[in-house]
């Protein structure tokens, strides 16, 4: 779940960021609907990486 400090808080974040692809619990592609930037989120037991 996404969190933000902008006005509107959590509800705004749910509308702004859309999960478009998931592969298990290790990889996700998320789109920022305002900027149209795709984010590849990769996680492991040790860390979380964001690739833009």
N, C-alpha and C. Protein backbone atom coordinates (compact mmCIF):
# COMPACT_ATOMS: atom_id res chain seq x y z
N UNK A 1 0.84 -1.17 0.00
CA UNK A 1 0.00 0.00 0.00
C UNK A 1 0.89 1.24 0.00
N UNK A 2 0.48 2.26 -0.74
CA UNK A 2 1.25 3.49 -0.87
C UNK A 2 0.80 4.52 0.15
N UNK A 3 1.73 5.30 0.63
CA UNK A 3 1.44 6.40 1.54
C UNK A 3 1.99 7.68 0.93
N UNK A 4 1.39 8.80 1.25
CA UNK A 4 1.84 10.08 0.75
C UNK A 4 1.61 11.16 1.79
N UNK A 5 2.37 12.24 1.71
CA UNK A 5 2.18 13.34 2.64
C UNK A 5 1.44 14.50 1.97
N UNK A 6 1.03 14.32 0.72
CA UNK A 6 0.30 15.37 0.01
C UNK A 6 -1.10 15.50 0.58
N UNK A 7 -1.77 16.60 0.22
CA UNK A 7 -3.16 16.77 0.64
C UNK A 7 -3.99 15.63 0.09
N UNK A 8 -4.89 15.13 0.87
CA UNK A 8 -5.72 14.00 0.45
C UNK A 8 -5.20 12.69 1.01
N UNK A 9 -3.94 12.67 1.38
CA UNK A 9 -3.35 11.52 2.05
C UNK A 9 -3.48 10.20 1.30
N UNK A 10 -3.87 9.16 2.02
CA UNK A 10 -3.88 7.80 1.52
C UNK A 10 -4.85 7.61 0.36
N UNK A 11 -6.01 8.24 0.41
CA UNK A 11 -6.97 8.09 -0.69
C UNK A 11 -6.41 8.61 -1.99
N UNK A 12 -5.70 9.71 -1.93
CA UNK A 12 -5.09 10.27 -3.14
C UNK A 12 -4.02 9.33 -3.69
N UNK A 13 -3.26 8.72 -2.81
CA UNK A 13 -2.22 7.79 -3.24
C UNK A 13 -2.81 6.58 -3.93
N UNK A 14 -3.93 6.07 -3.44
CA UNK A 14 -4.58 4.91 -4.07
C UNK A 14 -5.03 5.25 -5.48
N UNK A 15 -5.47 6.48 -5.70
CA UNK A 15 -5.92 6.89 -7.03
C UNK A 15 -4.74 7.20 -7.94
N UNK A 16 -3.67 7.72 -7.38
CA UNK A 16 -2.53 8.15 -8.19
C UNK A 16 -1.67 6.97 -8.66
N UNK A 17 -1.41 5.99 -7.80
CA UNK A 17 -0.53 4.88 -8.14
C UNK A 17 -1.35 3.63 -8.42
N UNK A 18 -1.17 3.06 -9.61
CA UNK A 18 -1.94 1.88 -10.02
C UNK A 18 -0.96 0.74 -10.28
N UNK A 19 -1.22 -0.39 -9.62
CA UNK A 19 -0.39 -1.57 -9.83
C UNK A 19 -0.83 -2.24 -11.12
N UNK A 20 0.10 -2.36 -12.09
CA UNK A 20 -0.26 -2.90 -13.40
C UNK A 20 0.23 -4.32 -13.63
N UNK A 21 1.22 -4.74 -12.85
CA UNK A 21 1.76 -6.10 -13.05
C UNK A 21 2.36 -6.59 -11.74
N UNK A 22 2.16 -7.85 -11.43
CA UNK A 22 2.74 -8.47 -10.25
C UNK A 22 3.28 -9.84 -10.61
N UNK A 23 4.48 -10.13 -10.13
CA UNK A 23 5.05 -11.47 -10.28
C UNK A 23 5.42 -11.93 -8.88
N UNK A 24 4.54 -12.71 -8.29
CA UNK A 24 4.76 -13.18 -6.92
C UNK A 24 4.82 -12.02 -5.95
N UNK A 25 5.67 -12.15 -4.96
CA UNK A 25 5.83 -11.07 -3.98
C UNK A 25 7.12 -10.29 -4.21
N UNK A 26 7.86 -10.64 -5.26
CA UNK A 26 9.17 -10.02 -5.45
C UNK A 26 9.20 -8.90 -6.48
N UNK A 27 8.28 -8.89 -7.44
CA UNK A 27 8.32 -7.87 -8.49
C UNK A 27 6.93 -7.27 -8.72
N UNK A 28 6.88 -5.94 -8.84
CA UNK A 28 5.64 -5.23 -9.16
C UNK A 28 5.97 -4.08 -10.09
N UNK A 29 5.06 -3.78 -11.01
CA UNK A 29 5.15 -2.57 -11.82
C UNK A 29 3.99 -1.68 -11.42
N UNK A 30 4.33 -0.44 -11.06
CA UNK A 30 3.33 0.52 -10.60
C UNK A 30 3.43 1.75 -11.50
N UNK A 31 2.28 2.31 -11.89
CA UNK A 31 2.25 3.50 -12.74
C UNK A 31 1.74 4.67 -11.93
N UNK A 32 2.45 5.80 -12.02
CA UNK A 32 2.00 7.06 -11.45
C UNK A 32 1.06 7.67 -12.48
N UNK A 33 -0.23 7.75 -12.17
CA UNK A 33 -1.20 8.21 -13.16
C UNK A 33 -1.12 9.70 -13.44
N UNK A 34 -0.42 10.47 -12.62
CA UNK A 34 -0.26 11.90 -12.88
C UNK A 34 0.91 12.17 -13.81
N UNK A 35 2.02 11.47 -13.61
CA UNK A 35 3.22 11.72 -14.42
C UNK A 35 3.43 10.67 -15.51
N UNK A 36 2.69 9.57 -15.44
CA UNK A 36 2.80 8.44 -16.37
C UNK A 36 4.15 7.74 -16.28
N UNK A 37 4.83 7.86 -15.15
CA UNK A 37 6.10 7.17 -14.93
C UNK A 37 5.82 5.78 -14.40
N UNK A 38 6.50 4.78 -14.97
CA UNK A 38 6.39 3.40 -14.51
C UNK A 38 7.50 3.12 -13.51
N UNK A 39 7.15 2.46 -12.41
CA UNK A 39 8.12 2.09 -11.40
C UNK A 39 8.15 0.57 -11.28
N UNK A 40 9.35 0.00 -11.33
CA UNK A 40 9.54 -1.42 -11.11
C UNK A 40 10.00 -1.60 -9.68
N UNK A 41 9.20 -2.26 -8.86
CA UNK A 41 9.53 -2.49 -7.47
C UNK A 41 9.99 -3.94 -7.33
N UNK A 42 11.18 -4.11 -6.81
CA UNK A 42 11.73 -5.44 -6.60
C UNK A 42 12.09 -5.58 -5.13
N UNK A 43 11.62 -6.62 -4.50
CA UNK A 43 11.91 -6.79 -3.08
C UNK A 43 12.52 -8.15 -2.81
N UNK A 44 13.23 -8.20 -1.74
CA UNK A 44 13.78 -9.45 -1.24
C UNK A 44 13.67 -9.41 0.27
N UNK A 45 14.17 -10.42 0.91
CA UNK A 45 14.13 -10.45 2.37
C UNK A 45 14.94 -9.29 2.95
N UNK A 46 16.00 -8.90 2.28
CA UNK A 46 16.92 -7.90 2.83
C UNK A 46 16.58 -6.47 2.47
N UNK A 47 15.95 -6.20 1.29
CA UNK A 47 15.75 -4.81 0.90
C UNK A 47 14.62 -4.65 -0.11
N UNK A 48 14.30 -3.41 -0.41
CA UNK A 48 13.31 -3.05 -1.44
C UNK A 48 14.00 -2.10 -2.41
N UNK A 49 14.00 -2.41 -3.69
CA UNK A 49 14.62 -1.57 -4.71
C UNK A 49 13.54 -0.97 -5.60
N UNK A 50 13.73 0.28 -5.97
CA UNK A 50 12.82 0.95 -6.91
C UNK A 50 13.65 1.33 -8.12
N UNK A 51 13.22 0.87 -9.28
CA UNK A 51 13.91 1.17 -10.54
C UNK A 51 12.95 2.00 -11.38
N UNK A 52 13.40 3.17 -11.75
CA UNK A 52 12.55 4.10 -12.54
C UNK A 52 12.95 3.99 -14.00
